[in-house]
N, C-alpha and C. Protein backbone atom coordinates (compact mmCIF):
# COMPACT_ATOMS: atom_id res chain seq x y z
N MET A 1 9.44 12.58 0.05
CA MET A 1 10.15 11.32 -0.15
C MET A 1 9.99 10.83 -1.59
N ILE A 2 8.75 10.89 -2.08
CA ILE A 2 8.50 10.41 -3.43
C ILE A 2 9.21 11.31 -4.44
N ARG A 3 9.18 12.60 -4.21
CA ARG A 3 9.89 13.53 -5.11
C ARG A 3 11.38 13.19 -5.17
N ALA A 4 11.98 12.89 -4.04
CA ALA A 4 13.40 12.54 -4.00
C ALA A 4 13.66 11.24 -4.76
N ALA A 5 12.77 10.26 -4.60
CA ALA A 5 12.93 8.99 -5.32
C ALA A 5 12.77 9.19 -6.82
N ARG A 6 11.83 10.04 -7.22
CA ARG A 6 11.65 10.33 -8.65
C ARG A 6 12.89 11.00 -9.23
N ALA A 7 13.47 11.91 -8.48
CA ALA A 7 14.67 12.60 -8.95
C ALA A 7 15.82 11.60 -9.10
N LEU A 8 15.94 10.68 -8.16
CA LEU A 8 16.97 9.65 -8.25
C LEU A 8 16.73 8.76 -9.46
N LEU A 9 15.50 8.38 -9.68
CA LEU A 9 15.15 7.57 -10.85
C LEU A 9 15.51 8.31 -12.14
N ALA A 10 15.20 9.58 -12.20
CA ALA A 10 15.51 10.37 -13.41
C ALA A 10 17.02 10.44 -13.63
N ARG A 11 17.77 10.55 -12.56
CA ARG A 11 19.22 10.65 -12.68
C ARG A 11 19.89 9.31 -13.01
N LYS A 12 19.41 8.23 -12.40
CA LYS A 12 20.07 6.92 -12.54
C LYS A 12 19.39 6.00 -13.55
N GLY A 13 18.11 6.25 -13.84
CA GLY A 13 17.39 5.41 -14.78
C GLY A 13 16.83 4.13 -14.17
N ARG A 14 17.00 3.94 -12.90
CA ARG A 14 16.47 2.78 -12.19
C ARG A 14 16.45 3.09 -10.71
N LEU A 15 15.77 2.25 -9.95
CA LEU A 15 15.75 2.36 -8.49
C LEU A 15 16.06 1.01 -7.88
N THR A 16 16.83 1.03 -6.83
CA THR A 16 17.11 -0.16 -6.05
C THR A 16 17.24 0.27 -4.59
N SER A 17 17.16 -0.68 -3.70
CA SER A 17 17.34 -0.35 -2.29
C SER A 17 18.74 0.21 -2.05
N THR A 18 19.73 -0.32 -2.74
CA THR A 18 21.09 0.17 -2.57
C THR A 18 21.22 1.61 -3.04
N LEU A 19 20.63 1.92 -4.20
CA LEU A 19 20.69 3.31 -4.67
C LEU A 19 20.01 4.25 -3.68
N LEU A 20 18.87 3.84 -3.15
CA LEU A 20 18.20 4.67 -2.15
C LEU A 20 19.07 4.85 -0.91
N ASP A 21 19.73 3.78 -0.49
CA ASP A 21 20.56 3.84 0.72
C ASP A 21 21.77 4.75 0.56
N VAL A 22 22.37 4.78 -0.61
CA VAL A 22 23.62 5.54 -0.77
C VAL A 22 23.42 6.96 -1.29
N ALA A 23 22.26 7.25 -1.85
CA ALA A 23 22.02 8.60 -2.36
C ALA A 23 21.81 9.57 -1.20
N PRO A 24 22.61 10.60 -1.12
CA PRO A 24 22.49 11.52 0.02
C PRO A 24 21.17 12.29 0.05
N GLU A 25 20.51 12.40 -1.09
CA GLU A 25 19.28 13.20 -1.15
C GLU A 25 18.02 12.40 -0.87
N THR A 26 18.14 11.08 -0.66
CA THR A 26 16.96 10.26 -0.38
C THR A 26 17.07 9.62 1.00
N PRO A 27 15.92 9.39 1.62
CA PRO A 27 15.93 8.58 2.84
C PRO A 27 16.38 7.15 2.50
N SER A 28 16.64 6.37 3.49
CA SER A 28 17.06 4.98 3.26
C SER A 28 15.90 4.15 2.74
N ALA A 29 16.23 3.04 2.12
CA ALA A 29 15.21 2.12 1.64
C ALA A 29 14.32 1.68 2.79
N ARG A 30 14.89 1.44 3.95
CA ARG A 30 14.12 1.03 5.13
C ARG A 30 13.07 2.09 5.49
N GLN A 31 13.44 3.36 5.39
CA GLN A 31 12.49 4.42 5.70
C GLN A 31 11.34 4.44 4.68
N TYR A 32 11.66 4.21 3.41
CA TYR A 32 10.60 4.12 2.40
C TYR A 32 9.67 2.95 2.69
N ILE A 33 10.24 1.82 3.05
CA ILE A 33 9.43 0.63 3.34
C ILE A 33 8.53 0.89 4.54
N GLU A 34 9.07 1.52 5.57
CA GLU A 34 8.27 1.80 6.76
C GLU A 34 7.15 2.78 6.45
N ARG A 35 7.40 3.74 5.58
CA ARG A 35 6.40 4.76 5.26
C ARG A 35 5.34 4.26 4.27
N PHE A 36 5.77 3.52 3.24
CA PHE A 36 4.86 3.15 2.15
C PHE A 36 4.50 1.66 2.12
N GLY A 37 5.09 0.86 3.00
CA GLY A 37 4.70 -0.54 3.12
C GLY A 37 5.55 -1.51 2.35
N SER A 38 6.16 -1.06 1.26
CA SER A 38 7.05 -1.93 0.48
C SER A 38 7.77 -1.11 -0.57
N LEU A 39 8.87 -1.63 -1.06
CA LEU A 39 9.54 -0.96 -2.17
C LEU A 39 8.70 -1.05 -3.44
N GLY A 40 7.95 -2.12 -3.58
CA GLY A 40 7.05 -2.24 -4.73
C GLY A 40 6.06 -1.09 -4.79
N ARG A 41 5.54 -0.70 -3.65
CA ARG A 41 4.61 0.43 -3.61
C ARG A 41 5.32 1.73 -3.96
N VAL A 42 6.53 1.89 -3.48
CA VAL A 42 7.32 3.08 -3.83
C VAL A 42 7.55 3.11 -5.33
N TYR A 43 7.91 1.98 -5.91
CA TYR A 43 8.13 1.92 -7.36
C TYR A 43 6.86 2.33 -8.11
N GLU A 44 5.71 1.87 -7.66
CA GLU A 44 4.45 2.25 -8.29
C GLU A 44 4.24 3.76 -8.21
N LEU A 45 4.47 4.33 -7.05
CA LEU A 45 4.22 5.75 -6.84
C LEU A 45 5.12 6.65 -7.67
N VAL A 46 6.34 6.19 -7.93
CA VAL A 46 7.26 7.02 -8.73
C VAL A 46 7.16 6.70 -10.21
N GLY A 47 6.40 5.65 -10.56
CA GLY A 47 6.27 5.30 -11.97
C GLY A 47 7.41 4.46 -12.51
N TYR A 48 8.04 3.70 -11.63
CA TYR A 48 9.16 2.86 -12.03
C TYR A 48 8.69 1.44 -12.28
N GLU A 49 9.08 0.89 -13.41
CA GLU A 49 8.79 -0.51 -13.74
C GLU A 49 10.02 -1.33 -13.38
N PRO A 50 9.96 -2.11 -12.29
CA PRO A 50 11.13 -2.89 -11.89
C PRO A 50 11.48 -3.94 -12.93
N SER A 51 12.76 -4.30 -12.95
CA SER A 51 13.22 -5.36 -13.84
C SER A 51 12.56 -6.67 -13.42
N SER A 52 12.63 -7.66 -14.28
CA SER A 52 12.04 -8.96 -13.94
C SER A 52 12.71 -9.54 -12.70
N ARG A 53 13.99 -9.33 -12.54
CA ARG A 53 14.69 -9.82 -11.36
C ARG A 53 14.21 -9.10 -10.09
N GLN A 54 14.05 -7.78 -10.20
CA GLN A 54 13.53 -7.03 -9.06
C GLN A 54 12.10 -7.47 -8.74
N ARG A 55 11.29 -7.68 -9.76
CA ARG A 55 9.91 -8.11 -9.57
C ARG A 55 9.86 -9.45 -8.84
N GLN A 56 10.75 -10.39 -9.22
CA GLN A 56 10.80 -11.69 -8.54
C GLN A 56 11.15 -11.51 -7.07
N ALA A 57 12.10 -10.63 -6.78
CA ALA A 57 12.49 -10.38 -5.39
C ALA A 57 11.32 -9.77 -4.62
N LEU A 58 10.62 -8.84 -5.24
CA LEU A 58 9.46 -8.24 -4.58
C LEU A 58 8.38 -9.28 -4.32
N ASP A 59 8.18 -10.17 -5.27
CA ASP A 59 7.19 -11.23 -5.11
C ASP A 59 7.56 -12.19 -3.97
N ARG A 60 8.85 -12.34 -3.69
CA ARG A 60 9.31 -13.18 -2.59
C ARG A 60 9.25 -12.46 -1.25
N GLY A 61 8.91 -11.18 -1.27
CA GLY A 61 8.79 -10.43 -0.03
C GLY A 61 9.97 -9.55 0.29
N VAL A 62 10.98 -9.51 -0.57
CA VAL A 62 12.09 -8.60 -0.37
C VAL A 62 11.55 -7.20 -0.57
N GLY A 63 11.92 -6.29 0.32
CA GLY A 63 11.44 -4.92 0.21
C GLY A 63 10.15 -4.66 0.96
N LYS A 64 9.79 -5.59 1.86
CA LYS A 64 8.64 -5.40 2.73
C LYS A 64 9.15 -5.32 4.16
N PRO A 65 8.34 -4.78 5.06
CA PRO A 65 8.78 -4.76 6.46
C PRO A 65 9.10 -6.16 6.96
N ARG A 66 10.02 -6.25 7.84
CA ARG A 66 10.42 -7.56 8.39
C ARG A 66 9.22 -8.27 8.98
N GLY A 67 9.15 -9.56 8.70
CA GLY A 67 8.05 -10.35 9.22
C GLY A 67 6.82 -10.36 8.34
N GLU A 68 6.88 -9.64 7.18
CA GLU A 68 5.73 -9.59 6.28
C GLU A 68 6.06 -10.16 4.91
N ALA A 69 6.99 -11.08 4.83
CA ALA A 69 7.36 -11.67 3.54
C ALA A 69 6.21 -12.50 3.00
N GLY A 70 6.17 -12.56 1.65
CA GLY A 70 5.19 -13.43 1.01
C GLY A 70 3.96 -12.79 0.58
């Protein structure tokens, strides 16, 4: 999963839940969240520095399993 996300990052230059969802070679963003706990954790594992806007969303709990915001 991480290898696929890294490849997507290399190809697109960024990662988002939408990119993960539409890329045929990666599992859905939801699957990454369920496996790794949050998109923030996935970003860390692939070496991606989220934009300030993405970071704010992550800080608000976007990209975490449902019911675990904050």
